[in-house]
Amino acid sequence: MCTLATEGIQYGCGHYVSQRSTHKDDCGSKYCIWSNRHAPNCPHCPQCSRFLGPDSKEVIKAKVPEYCDTCDYWWKKNNTYRRQQPQQ
């Protein structure tokens, strides 16, 4: 399974969000569609690995105190903005 080396942002909630990939680490498997060894006309392709592995290297380019978008949605102000009653 091939992996990527990435650069990204570390948020205050602890999550790392990738902004760009710097290079691919090739696994060298002919059964991985991301590998350079994978044949263009592979007869095994329905069974070939289609997903990249976890990042091989995460370079933190910036640290910000805010939460990431997902955590902000679930934790911001103890979820009060999602429980508000509709205005009449």
C-alpha atoms as a PDB file:
ATOM      1  CA  MET A   1       0.000   0.000   0.000  1.00  0.00           C
ATOM      2  CA  CYS A   2       1.540   3.291  -1.092  1.00  0.00           C
ATOM      3  CA  THR A   3       1.704   6.261   1.271  1.00  0.00           C
ATOM      4  CA  LEU A   4       2.089  10.027   0.949  1.00  0.00           C
ATOM      5  CA  ALA A   5       4.329  12.523   2.686  1.00  0.00           C
ATOM      6  CA  THR A   6       2.206  15.595   3.413  1.00  0.00           C
ATOM      7  CA  GLU A   7       2.334  19.154   4.708  1.00  0.00           C
ATOM      8  CA  GLY A   8      -0.544  20.527   6.723  1.00  0.00           C
ATOM      9  CA  ILE A   9      -2.017  22.386   9.686  1.00  0.00           C
ATOM     10  CA  GLN A  10      -2.189  21.218  13.312  1.00  0.00           C
ATOM     11  CA  TYR A  11      -5.408  22.484  14.931  1.00  0.00           C
ATOM     12  CA  GLY A  12      -6.084  23.225  18.590  1.00  0.00           C
ATOM     13  CA  CYS A  13      -8.265  20.115  18.859  1.00  0.00           C
ATOM     14  CA  GLY A  14      -5.226  17.989  17.975  1.00  0.00           C
ATOM     15  CA  HIS A  15      -6.242  17.055  14.444  1.00  0.00           C
ATOM     16  CA  TYR A  16      -3.788  17.333  11.571  1.00  0.00           C
ATOM     17  CA  VAL A  17      -5.304  18.383   8.236  1.00  0.00           C
ATOM     18  CA  SER A  18      -3.218  17.779   5.138  1.00  0.00           C
ATOM     19  CA  GLN A  19      -2.885  20.731   2.769  1.00  0.00           C
ATOM     20  CA  ARG A  20      -0.712  19.165   0.061  1.00  0.00           C
ATOM     21  CA  SER A  21       1.329  16.068  -0.617  1.00  0.00           C
ATOM     22  CA  THR A  22       5.062  16.459  -1.192  1.00  0.00           C
ATOM     23  CA  HIS A  23       5.803  13.005  -2.598  1.00  0.00           C
ATOM     24  CA  LYS A  24       4.528   9.433  -2.806  1.00  0.00           C
ATOM     25  CA  ASP A  25       6.308   6.498  -1.174  1.00  0.00           C
ATOM     26  CA  ASP A  26       5.841   3.644  -3.629  1.00  0.00           C
ATOM     27  CA  CYS A  27       5.146   0.240  -2.077  1.00  0.00           C
ATOM     28  CA  GLY A  28       6.381  -1.555  -5.196  1.00  0.00           C
ATOM     29  CA  SER A  29       3.429  -3.960  -5.291  1.00  0.00           C
ATOM     30  CA  LYS A  30       1.918  -4.958  -8.621  1.00  0.00           C
ATOM     31  CA  TYR A  31      -1.410  -5.316  -6.771  1.00  0.00           C
ATOM     32  CA  CYS A  32      -1.592  -1.642  -5.702  1.00  0.00           C
ATOM     33  CA  ILE A  33      -3.173   0.724  -8.249  1.00  0.00           C
ATOM     34  CA  TRP A  34      -1.027   3.634  -6.937  1.00  0.00           C
ATOM     35  CA  SER A  35       2.262   1.781  -7.457  1.00  0.00           C
ATOM     36  CA  ASN A  36       4.523   2.278 -10.463  1.00  0.00           C
ATOM     37  CA  ARG A  37       4.624  -1.528 -10.840  1.00  0.00           C
ATOM     38  CA  HIS A  38       0.841  -1.830 -11.359  1.00  0.00           C
ATOM     39  CA  ALA A  39       0.133  -2.923 -14.930  1.00  0.00           C
ATOM     40  CA  PRO A  40      -2.188  -0.717 -17.037  1.00  0.00           C
ATOM     41  CA  ASN A  41      -4.116  -3.786 -18.209  1.00  0.00           C
ATOM     42  CA  CYS A  42      -4.052  -5.658 -14.880  1.00  0.00           C
ATOM     43  CA  PRO A  43      -6.262  -8.800 -14.950  1.00  0.00           C
ATOM     44  CA  HIS A  44      -6.478  -8.798 -11.115  1.00  0.00           C
ATOM     45  CA  CYS A  45      -7.612  -5.166 -10.874  1.00  0.00           C
ATOM     46  CA  PRO A  46     -10.969  -5.744  -9.113  1.00  0.00           C
ATOM     47  CA  GLN A  47      -8.951  -7.247  -6.231  1.00  0.00           C
ATOM     48  CA  CYS A  48      -6.093  -4.693  -6.302  1.00  0.00           C
ATOM     49  CA  SER A  49      -5.557  -2.318  -3.378  1.00  0.00           C
ATOM     50  CA  ARG A  50      -7.316   0.983  -4.136  1.00  0.00           C
ATOM     51  CA  PHE A  51      -6.495   3.001  -1.027  1.00  0.00           C
ATOM     52  CA  LEU A  52      -3.423   4.855   0.138  1.00  0.00           C
ATOM     53  CA  GLY A  53      -1.983   4.003   3.536  1.00  0.00           C
ATOM     54  CA  PRO A  54      -1.619   6.494   6.392  1.00  0.00           C
ATOM     55  CA  ASP A  55       0.704   9.424   5.743  1.00  0.00           C
ATOM     56  CA  SER A  56       4.322   8.308   5.907  1.00  0.00           C
ATOM     57  CA  LYS A  57       5.378  11.773   7.063  1.00  0.00           C
ATOM     58  CA  GLU A  58       3.323  14.713   8.346  1.00  0.00           C
ATOM     59  CA  VAL A  59       5.128  18.054   8.268  1.00  0.00           C
ATOM     60  CA  ILE A  60       3.308  20.655  10.371  1.00  0.00           C
ATOM     61  CA  LYS A  61       3.502  23.974   8.522  1.00  0.00           C
ATOM     62  CA  ALA A  62       1.326  25.909  10.990  1.00  0.00           C
ATOM     63  CA  LYS A  63      -0.309  25.439  14.395  1.00  0.00           C
ATOM     64  CA  VAL A  64      -3.563  27.279  14.995  1.00  0.00           C
ATOM     65  CA  PRO A  65      -5.554  27.491  18.256  1.00  0.00           C
ATOM     66  CA  GLU A  66      -8.939  27.056  16.522  1.00  0.00           C
ATOM     67  CA  TYR A  67     -10.634  23.689  16.176  1.00  0.00           C
ATOM     68  CA  CYS A  68     -10.827  21.978  12.777  1.00  0.00           C
ATOM     69  CA  ASP A  69     -14.137  22.223  10.878  1.00  0.00           C
ATOM     70  CA  THR A  70     -15.456  18.883  12.138  1.00  0.00           C
ATOM     71  CA  CYS A  71     -14.619  19.515  15.801  1.00  0.00           C
ATOM     72  CA  ASP A  72     -15.868  23.092  15.560  1.00  0.00           C
ATOM     73  CA  TYR A  73     -19.225  21.760  14.378  1.00  0.00           C
ATOM     74  CA  TRP A  74     -19.544  19.255  17.247  1.00  0.00           C
ATOM     75  CA  TRP A  75     -17.956  21.192  20.131  1.00  0.00           C
ATOM     76  CA  LYS A  76     -18.400  24.917  19.447  1.00  0.00           C
ATOM     77  CA  LYS A  77     -20.247  26.566  22.355  1.00  0.00           C
ATOM     78  CA  ASN A  78     -21.274  23.144  23.677  1.00  0.00           C
ATOM     79  CA  ASN A  79     -23.424  22.523  20.606  1.00  0.00           C
ATOM     80  CA  THR A  80     -25.888  25.294  21.522  1.00  0.00           C
ATOM     81  CA  TYR A  81     -26.204  26.710  18.015  1.00  0.00           C
ATOM     82  CA  ARG A  82     -27.552  23.386  16.705  1.00  0.00           C
ATOM     83  CA  ARG A  83     -30.198  23.088  19.456  1.00  0.00           C
ATOM     84  CA  GLN A  84     -31.796  26.498  18.987  1.00  0.00           C
ATOM     85  CA  GLN A  85     -35.523  26.429  18.370  1.00  0.00           C
ATOM     86  CA  PRO A  86     -36.737  27.731  14.987  1.00  0.00           C
ATOM     87  CA  GLN A  87     -37.799  31.365  15.039  1.00  0.00           C
ATOM     88  CA  GLN A  88     -41.512  32.036  14.541  1.00  0.00           C
END
